[in-house]
Every structure is written in C-alpha cells, then in structure tokens.
Amino acid sequence: MDNIGWIGSLLLAFCGLPQAWESWRTKSSAGLTWGFIGLWGLGELCTFAYVLPKMDLPLLVNYSANILFLIIITYYKIRPNK
C-alpha cells in the first residue's frame, strides 16, 4: 500500500509542473486567474499544515512540490515579462 501512496502522491505532486514550466518559459501566468491561484495556494498551505505534524512523507512531498510550483506561477503572475 505504501507504494501506491507514493505513486499517487508523486503524480499529484507533479500535476503543477507543466503550468510552472509554461509560466517560467513564457515568463507569464496571464492565463490563470487570481481566484484559482489563491484557492489552490490556500488549500495547499492548509493541507500542508495539517499533514506536517503527522510526518506523512508521501503527502509532505506532494504538498511541498505544489507549494514550490505555486511560488513560481505566482511570481510570474505578479511580475510578467512583457
């Protein structure tokens, strides 16, 4: 079961990678709304805070990766290169 948890966690962790890569490549996150970014970020941070005391490593990897991708996406939303 641990292997299934790791596989699922890694797949979910890297769902944000294509958008973070696109934002980095184009230097813009113009296609994403602030509502989407805000709700996704708040959800990730709240769930990370919930999982952190449990030290559930697959979930910590998942939420940490998504927070990193959100930082990249938010940076290019705030400071697009036009």
PDB file of N, CA and C in Angstrom:
ATOM      1  N   MET A   1       0.813  -1.191   0.000  1.00  0.00           N
ATOM      2  CA  MET A   1       0.000   0.000   0.000  1.00  0.00           C
ATOM      3  C   MET A   1       0.861   1.261   0.000  1.00  0.00           C
ATOM      4  N   ASP A   2       2.013   1.198   0.662  1.00  0.00           N
ATOM      5  CA  ASP A   2       2.884   2.370   0.677  1.00  0.00           C
ATOM      6  C   ASP A   2       3.303   2.768  -0.736  1.00  0.00           C
ATOM      7  N   ASN A   3       3.584   1.769  -1.568  1.00  0.00           N
ATOM      8  CA  ASN A   3       3.987   2.073  -2.944  1.00  0.00           C
ATOM      9  C   ASN A   3       2.880   2.787  -3.703  1.00  0.00           C
ATOM     10  N   ILE A   4       1.653   2.367  -3.512  1.00  0.00           N
ATOM     11  CA  ILE A   4       0.527   3.024  -4.163  1.00  0.00           C
ATOM     12  C   ILE A   4       0.415   4.462  -3.662  1.00  0.00           C
ATOM     13  N   GLY A   5       0.589   4.672  -2.372  1.00  0.00           N
ATOM     14  CA  GLY A   5       0.557   6.015  -1.806  1.00  0.00           C
ATOM     15  C   GLY A   5       1.638   6.909  -2.391  1.00  0.00           C
ATOM     16  N   TRP A   6       2.847   6.363  -2.523  1.00  0.00           N
ATOM     17  CA  TRP A   6       3.946   7.135  -3.111  1.00  0.00           C
ATOM     18  C   TRP A   6       3.671   7.476  -4.572  1.00  0.00           C
ATOM     19  N   ILE A   7       3.177   6.501  -5.331  1.00  0.00           N
ATOM     20  CA  ILE A   7       2.883   6.742  -6.750  1.00  0.00           C
ATOM     21  C   ILE A   7       1.827   7.835  -6.884  1.00  0.00           C
ATOM     22  N   GLY A   8       0.742   7.712  -6.145  1.00  0.00           N
ATOM     23  CA  GLY A   8      -0.315   8.714  -6.198  1.00  0.00           C
ATOM     24  C   GLY A   8       0.172  10.082  -5.759  1.00  0.00           C
ATOM     25  N   SER A   9       0.947  10.112  -4.710  1.00  0.00           N
ATOM     26  CA  SER A   9       1.460  11.374  -4.192  1.00  0.00           C
ATOM     27  C   SER A   9       2.387  12.054  -5.198  1.00  0.00           C
ATOM     28  N   LEU A  10       3.256  11.282  -5.825  1.00  0.00           N
ATOM     29  CA  LEU A  10       4.161  11.854  -6.824  1.00  0.00           C
ATOM     30  C   LEU A  10       3.409  12.339  -8.054  1.00  0.00           C
ATOM     31  N   LEU A  11       2.411  11.571  -8.483  1.00  0.00           N
ATOM     32  CA  LEU A  11       1.611  12.012  -9.631  1.00  0.00           C
ATOM     33  C   LEU A  11       0.899  13.324  -9.324  1.00  0.00           C
ATOM     34  N   LEU A  12       0.301  13.420  -8.151  1.00  0.00           N
ATOM     35  CA  LEU A  12      -0.381  14.658  -7.766  1.00  0.00           C
ATOM     36  C   LEU A  12       0.611  15.794  -7.538  1.00  0.00           C
ATOM     37  N   ALA A  13       1.776  15.464  -7.008  1.00  0.00           N
ATOM     38  CA  ALA A  13       2.784  16.489  -6.755  1.00  0.00           C
ATOM     39  C   ALA A  13       3.204  17.171  -8.046  1.00  0.00           C
ATOM     40  N   PHE A  14       3.310  16.413  -9.100  1.00  0.00           N
ATOM     41  CA  PHE A  14       3.828  16.963 -10.341  1.00  0.00           C
ATOM     42  C   PHE A  14       2.749  17.397 -11.324  1.00  0.00           C
ATOM     43  N   CYS A  15       1.507  17.445 -10.880  1.00  0.00           N
ATOM     44  CA  CYS A  15       0.439  18.000 -11.719  1.00  0.00           C
ATOM     45  C   CYS A  15       0.679  19.480 -12.003  1.00  0.00           C
ATOM     46  N   GLY A  16       1.272  20.193 -11.080  1.00  0.00           N
ATOM     47  CA  GLY A  16       1.533  21.620 -11.269  1.00  0.00           C
ATOM     48  C   GLY A  16       2.767  21.912 -12.093  1.00  0.00           C
ATOM     49  N   LEU A  17       3.605  20.896 -12.323  1.00  0.00           N
ATOM     50  CA  LEU A  17       4.848  21.105 -13.059  1.00  0.00           C
ATOM     51  C   LEU A  17       4.637  21.666 -14.466  1.00  0.00           C
ATOM     52  N   PRO A  18       3.721  21.131 -15.269  1.00  0.00           N
ATOM     53  CA  PRO A  18       3.564  21.685 -16.618  1.00  0.00           C
ATOM     54  C   PRO A  18       3.201  23.176 -16.613  1.00  0.00           C
ATOM     55  N   GLN A  19       2.348  23.598 -15.692  1.00  0.00           N
ATOM     56  CA  GLN A  19       1.977  25.020 -15.638  1.00  0.00           C
ATOM     57  C   GLN A  19       3.132  25.864 -15.129  1.00  0.00           C
ATOM     58  N   ALA A  20       3.868  25.376 -14.135  1.00  0.00           N
ATOM     59  CA  ALA A  20       5.032  26.116 -13.640  1.00  0.00           C
ATOM     60  C   ALA A  20       6.078  26.247 -14.741  1.00  0.00           C
ATOM     61  N   TRP A  21       6.283  25.193 -15.498  1.00  0.00           N
ATOM     62  CA  TRP A  21       7.235  25.215 -16.621  1.00  0.00           C
ATOM     63  C   TRP A  21       6.783  26.214 -17.678  1.00  0.00           C
ATOM     64  N   GLU A  22       5.507  26.207 -18.010  1.00  0.00           N
ATOM     65  CA  GLU A  22       4.974  27.136 -19.009  1.00  0.00           C
ATOM     66  C   GLU A  22       5.099  28.581 -18.517  1.00  0.00           C
ATOM     67  N   SER A  23       4.814  28.815 -17.250  1.00  0.00           N
ATOM     68  CA  SER A  23       4.955  30.161 -16.689  1.00  0.00           C
ATOM     69  C   SER A  23       6.411  30.611 -16.734  1.00  0.00           C
ATOM     70  N   TRP A  24       7.323  29.726 -16.417  1.00  0.00           N
ATOM     71  CA  TRP A  24       8.746  30.044 -16.463  1.00  0.00           C
ATOM     72  C   TRP A  24       9.198  30.293 -17.900  1.00  0.00           C
ATOM     73  N   ARG A  25       8.739  29.435 -18.818  1.00  0.00           N
ATOM     74  CA  ARG A  25       9.148  29.543 -20.224  1.00  0.00           C
ATOM     75  C   ARG A  25       8.657  30.837 -20.858  1.00  0.00           C
ATOM     76  N   THR A  26       7.403  31.187 -20.614  1.00  0.00           N
ATOM     77  CA  THR A  26       6.824  32.387 -21.213  1.00  0.00           C
ATOM     78  C   THR A  26       7.013  33.622 -20.334  1.00  0.00           C
ATOM     79  N   LYS A  27       7.482  33.414 -19.105  1.00  0.00           N
ATOM     80  CA  LYS A  27       7.660  34.484 -18.119  1.00  0.00           C
ATOM     81  C   LYS A  27       6.330  35.183 -17.813  1.00  0.00           C
ATOM     82  N   SER A  28       5.235  34.404 -17.835  1.00  0.00           N
ATOM     83  CA  SER A  28       3.917  34.962 -17.562  1.00  0.00           C
ATOM     84  C   SER A  28       2.964  33.867 -17.094  1.00  0.00           C
ATOM     85  N   SER A  29       2.048  34.240 -16.221  1.00  0.00           N
ATOM     86  CA  SER A  29       0.957  33.348 -15.805  1.00  0.00           C
ATOM     87  C   SER A  29      -0.378  34.029 -16.097  1.00  0.00           C
ATOM     88  N   ALA A  30      -0.411  34.790 -17.186  1.00  0.00           N
ATOM     89  CA  ALA A  30      -1.576  35.611 -17.513  1.00  0.00           C
ATOM     90  C   ALA A  30      -2.851  34.789 -17.693  1.00  0.00           C
ATOM     91  N   GLY A  31      -2.752  33.556 -18.105  1.00  0.00           N
ATOM     92  CA  GLY A  31      -3.938  32.746 -18.343  1.00  0.00           C
ATOM     93  C   GLY A  31      -4.614  32.217 -17.092  1.00  0.00           C
ATOM     94  N   LEU A  32      -4.003  32.416 -15.947  1.00  0.00           N
ATOM     95  CA  LEU A  32      -4.559  31.909 -14.693  1.00  0.00           C
ATOM     96  C   LEU A  32      -5.168  33.056 -13.896  1.00  0.00           C
ATOM     97  N   THR A  33      -6.309  32.822 -13.302  1.00  0.00           N
ATOM     98  CA  THR A  33      -6.956  33.867 -12.508  1.00  0.00           C
ATOM     99  C   THR A  33      -6.379  33.883 -11.098  1.00  0.00           C
ATOM    100  N   TRP A  34      -6.508  35.048 -10.452  1.00  0.00           N
ATOM    101  CA  TRP A  34      -6.071  35.163  -9.070  1.00  0.00           C
ATOM    102  C   TRP A  34      -6.909  34.272  -8.165  1.00  0.00           C
ATOM    103  N   GLY A  35      -8.173  34.093  -8.508  1.00  0.00           N
ATOM    104  CA  GLY A  35      -9.026  33.207  -7.720  1.00  0.00           C
ATOM    105  C   GLY A  35      -8.501  31.784  -7.705  1.00  0.00           C
ATOM    106  N   PHE A  36      -8.108  31.287  -8.871  1.00  0.00           N
ATOM    107  CA  PHE A  36      -7.559  29.934  -8.974  1.00  0.00           C
ATOM    108  C   PHE A  36      -6.267  29.810  -8.170  1.00  0.00           C
ATOM    109  N   ILE A  37      -5.353  30.754  -8.381  1.00  0.00           N
ATOM    110  CA  ILE A  37      -4.065  30.708  -7.694  1.00  0.00           C
ATOM    111  C   ILE A  37      -4.257  30.814  -6.188  1.00  0.00           C
ATOM    112  N   GLY A  38      -5.123  31.725  -5.757  1.00  0.00           N
ATOM    113  CA  GLY A  38      -5.361  31.921  -4.325  1.00  0.00           C
ATOM    114  C   GLY A  38      -5.986  30.720  -3.652  1.00  0.00           C
ATOM    115  N   LEU A  39      -7.013  30.162  -4.272  1.00  0.00           N
ATOM    116  CA  LEU A  39      -7.669  28.992  -3.678  1.00  0.00           C
ATOM    117  C   LEU A  39      -6.748  27.780  -3.675  1.00  0.00           C
ATOM    118  N   TRP A  40      -6.018  27.573  -4.760  1.00  0.00           N
ATOM    119  CA  TRP A  40      -5.071  26.457  -4.826  1.00  0.00           C
ATOM    120  C   TRP A  40      -3.999  26.634  -3.741  1.00  0.00           C
ATOM    121  N   GLY A  41      -3.449  27.839  -3.640  1.00  0.00           N
ATOM    122  CA  GLY A  41      -2.405  28.093  -2.649  1.00  0.00           C
ATOM    123  C   GLY A  41      -2.902  27.938  -1.222  1.00  0.00           C
ATOM    124  N   LEU A  42      -4.060  28.496  -0.928  1.00  0.00           N
ATOM    125  CA  LEU A  42      -4.617  28.372   0.420  1.00  0.00           C
ATOM    126  C   LEU A  42      -4.906  26.914   0.760  1.00  0.00           C
ATOM    127  N   GLY A  43      -5.438  26.177  -0.196  1.00  0.00           N
ATOM    128  CA  GLY A  43      -5.692  24.750   0.019  1.00  0.00           C
ATOM    129  C   GLY A  43      -4.418  23.970   0.276  1.00  0.00           C
ATOM    130  N   GLU A  44      -3.381  24.263  -0.488  1.00  0.00           N
ATOM    131  CA  GLU A  44      -2.095  23.578  -0.298  1.00  0.00           C
ATOM    132  C   GLU A  44      -1.494  23.906   1.067  1.00  0.00           C
ATOM    133  N   LEU A  45      -1.510  25.175   1.441  1.00  0.00           N
ATOM    134  CA  LEU A  45      -0.918  25.572   2.718  1.00  0.00           C
ATOM    135  C   LEU A  45      -1.677  24.986   3.907  1.00  0.00           C
ATOM    136  N   CYS A  46      -3.001  25.010   3.854  1.00  0.00           N
ATOM    137  CA  CYS A  46      -3.791  24.446   4.958  1.00  0.00           C
ATOM    138  C   CYS A  46      -3.573  22.936   5.083  1.00  0.00           C
ATOM    139  N   THR A  47      -3.562  22.257   3.958  1.00  0.00           N
ATOM    140  CA  THR A  47      -3.374  20.811   3.998  1.00  0.00           C
ATOM    141  C   THR A  47      -1.947  20.464   4.414  1.00  0.00           C
ATOM    142  N   PHE A  48      -0.971  21.248   3.970  1.00  0.00           N
ATOM    143  CA  PHE A  48       0.417  21.034   4.400  1.00  0.00           C
ATOM    144  C   PHE A  48       0.527  21.180   5.919  1.00  0.00           C
ATOM    145  N   ALA A  49      -0.118  22.204   6.467  1.00  0.00           N
ATOM    146  CA  ALA A  49      -0.096  22.416   7.923  1.00  0.00           C
ATOM    147  C   ALA A  49      -0.756  21.247   8.657  1.00  0.00           C
ATOM    148  N   TYR A  50      -1.767  20.668   8.072  1.00  0.00           N
ATOM    149  CA  TYR A  50      -2.448  19.519   8.675  1.00  0.00           C
ATOM    150  C   TYR A  50      -1.571  18.264   8.621  1.00  0.00           C
ATOM    151  N   VAL A  51      -0.859  18.078   7.531  1.00  0.00           N
ATOM    152  CA  VAL A  51      -0.064  16.858   7.324  1.00  0.00           C
ATOM    153  C   VAL A  51       1.283  16.939   8.044  1.00  0.00           C
ATOM    154  N   LEU A  52       1.823  18.134   8.221  1.00  0.00           N
ATOM    155  CA  LEU A  52       3.165  18.296   8.788  1.00  0.00           C
ATOM    156  C   LEU A  52       3.352  17.593  10.136  1.00  0.00           C
ATOM    157  N   PRO A  53       2.450  17.772  11.113  1.00  0.00           N
ATOM    158  CA  PRO A  53       2.667  17.075  12.393  1.00  0.00           C
ATOM    159  C   PRO A  53       2.608  15.551  12.274  1.00  0.00           C
ATOM    160  N   LYS A  54       1.924  15.044  11.266  1.00  0.00           N
ATOM    161  CA  LYS A  54       1.806  13.600  11.084  1.00  0.00           C
ATOM    162  C   LYS A  54       3.054  13.000  10.433  1.00  0.00           C
ATOM    163  N   MET A  55       3.876  13.873   9.823  1.00  0.00           N
ATOM    164  CA  MET A  55       5.103  13.457   9.140  1.00  0.00           C
ATOM    165  C   MET A  55       4.849  12.332   8.134  1.00  0.00           C
ATOM    166  N   ASP A  56       3.778  12.460   7.385  1.00  0.00           N
ATOM    167  CA  ASP A  56       3.453  11.508   6.323  1.00  0.00           C
ATOM    168  C   ASP A  56       4.254  11.920   5.088  1.00  0.00           C
ATOM    169  N   LEU A  57       5.394  11.269   4.877  1.00  0.00           N
ATOM    170  CA  LEU A  57       6.361  11.694   3.876  1.00  0.00           C
ATOM    171  C   LEU A  57       5.782  11.803   2.461  1.00  0.00           C
ATOM    172  N   PRO A  58       5.011  10.828   1.965  1.00  0.00           N
ATOM    173  CA  PRO A  58       4.469  10.993   0.609  1.00  0.00           C
ATOM    174  C   PRO A  58       3.621  12.262   0.467  1.00  0.00           C
ATOM    175  N   LEU A  59       2.818  12.566   1.460  1.00  0.00           N
ATOM    176  CA  LEU A  59       1.979  13.764   1.379  1.00  0.00           C
ATOM    177  C   LEU A  59       2.804  15.033   1.555  1.00  0.00           C
ATOM    178  N   LEU A  60       3.822  15.000   2.397  1.00  0.00           N
ATOM    179  CA  LEU A  60       4.694  16.164   2.547  1.00  0.00           C
ATOM    180  C   LEU A  60       5.413  16.482   1.245  1.00  0.00           C
ATOM    181  N   VAL A  61       5.863  15.444   0.531  1.00  0.00           N
ATOM    182  CA  VAL A  61       6.492  15.646  -0.779  1.00  0.00           C
ATOM    183  C   VAL A  61       5.491  16.261  -1.744  1.00  0.00           C
ATOM    184  N   ASN A  62       4.281  15.736  -1.754  1.00  0.00           N
ATOM    185  CA  ASN A  62       3.229  16.236  -2.631  1.00  0.00           C
ATOM    186  C   ASN A  62       2.976  17.715  -2.396  1.00  0.00           C
ATOM    187  N   TYR A  63       2.680  18.084  -1.157  1.00  0.00           N
ATOM    188  CA  TYR A  63       2.320  19.467  -0.869  1.00  0.00           C
ATOM    189  C   TYR A  63       3.513  20.406  -0.999  1.00  0.00           C
ATOM    190  N   SER A  64       4.697  19.952  -0.663  1.00  0.00           N
ATOM    191  CA  SER A  64       5.890  20.782  -0.826  1.00  0.00           C
ATOM    192  C   SER A  64       6.136  21.097  -2.299  1.00  0.00           C
ATOM    193  N   ALA A  65       6.016  20.096  -3.153  1.00  0.00           N
ATOM    194  CA  ALA A  65       6.205  20.318  -4.592  1.00  0.00           C
ATOM    195  C   ALA A  65       5.163  21.287  -5.131  1.00  0.00           C
ATOM    196  N   ASN A  66       3.912  21.110  -4.739  1.00  0.00           N
ATOM    197  CA  ASN A  66       2.866  22.007  -5.225  1.00  0.00           C
ATOM    198  C   ASN A  66       3.067  23.434  -4.734  1.00  0.00           C
ATOM    199  N   ILE A  67       3.536  23.602  -3.508  1.00  0.00           N
ATOM    200  CA  ILE A  67       3.807  24.948  -2.998  1.00  0.00           C
ATOM    201  C   ILE A  67       4.937  25.588  -3.799  1.00  0.00           C
ATOM    202  N   LEU A  68       5.964  24.821  -4.116  1.00  0.00           N
ATOM    203  CA  LEU A  68       7.060  25.334  -4.948  1.00  0.00           C
ATOM    204  C   LEU A  68       6.541  25.765  -6.319  1.00  0.00           C
ATOM    205  N   PHE A  69       5.723  24.921  -6.949  1.00  0.00           N
ATOM    206  CA  PHE A  69       5.181  25.268  -8.263  1.00  0.00           C
ATOM    207  C   PHE A  69       4.298  26.504  -8.178  1.00  0.00           C
ATOM    208  N   LEU A  70       3.526  26.618  -7.100  1.00  0.00           N
ATOM    209  CA  LEU A  70       2.679  27.795  -6.910  1.00  0.00           C
ATOM    210  C   LEU A  70       3.501  29.069  -6.739  1.00  0.00           C
ATOM    211  N   ILE A  71       4.627  28.976  -6.073  1.00  0.00           N
ATOM    212  CA  ILE A  71       5.505  30.138  -5.920  1.00  0.00           C
ATOM    213  C   ILE A  71       5.982  30.611  -7.291  1.00  0.00           C
ATOM    214  N   ILE A  72       6.390  29.682  -8.141  1.00  0.00           N
ATOM    215  CA  ILE A  72       6.842  30.027  -9.495  1.00  0.00           C
ATOM    216  C   ILE A  72       5.706  30.669 -10.288  1.00  0.00           C
ATOM    217  N   ILE A  73       4.539  30.050 -10.264  1.00  0.00           N
ATOM    218  CA  ILE A  73       3.386  30.555 -11.004  1.00  0.00           C
ATOM    219  C   ILE A  73       2.984  31.937 -10.495  1.00  0.00           C
ATOM    220  N   THR A  74       2.947  32.111  -9.181  1.00  0.00           N
ATOM    221  CA  THR A  74       2.558  33.396  -8.593  1.00  0.00           C
ATOM    222  C   THR A  74       3.581  34.480  -8.926  1.00  0.00           C
ATOM    223  N   TYR A  75       4.846  34.136  -8.908  1.00  0.00           N
ATOM    224  CA  TYR A  75       5.886  35.110  -9.263  1.00  0.00           C
ATOM    225  C   TYR A  75       5.636  35.682 -10.650  1.00  0.00           C
ATOM    226  N   TYR A  76       5.362  34.814 -11.615  1.00  0.00           N
ATOM    227  CA  TYR A  76       5.139  35.281 -12.982  1.00  0.00           C
ATOM    228  C   TYR A  76       3.753  35.889 -13.179  1.00  0.00           C
ATOM    229  N   LYS A  77       2.850  35.665 -12.245  1.00  0.00           N
ATOM    230  CA  LYS A  77       1.569  36.370 -12.268  1.00  0.00           C
ATOM    231  C   LYS A  77       1.782  37.808 -11.797  1.00  0.00           C
ATOM    232  N   ILE A  78       2.610  37.981 -10.775  1.00  0.00           N
ATOM    233  CA  ILE A  78       2.888  39.316 -10.234  1.00  0.00           C
ATOM    234  C   ILE A  78       3.832  40.103 -11.140  1.00  0.00           C
ATOM    235  N   ARG A  79       4.851  39.437 -11.644  1.00  0.00           N
ATOM    236  CA  ARG A  79       5.887  40.105 -12.439  1.00  0.00           C
ATOM    237  C   ARG A  79       6.044  39.489 -13.818  1.00  0.00           C
ATOM    238  N   PRO A  80       5.032  39.613 -14.671  1.00  0.00           N
ATOM    239  CA  PRO A  80       5.179  39.052 -16.019  1.00  0.00           C
ATOM    240  C   PRO A  80       6.219  39.821 -16.821  1.00  0.00           C
ATOM    241  N   ASN A  81       6.905  39.121 -17.676  1.00  0.00           N
ATOM    242  CA  ASN A  81       7.877  39.736 -18.590  1.00  0.00           C
ATOM    243  C   ASN A  81       7.162  39.986 -19.904  1.00  0.00           C
ATOM    244  N   LYS A  82       6.853  41.218 -20.163  1.00  0.00           N
ATOM    245  CA  LYS A  82       6.063  41.552 -21.365  1.00  0.00           C
ATOM    246  C   LYS A  82       6.915  41.814 -22.562  1.00  0.00           C
TER     247      LYS A  82
END
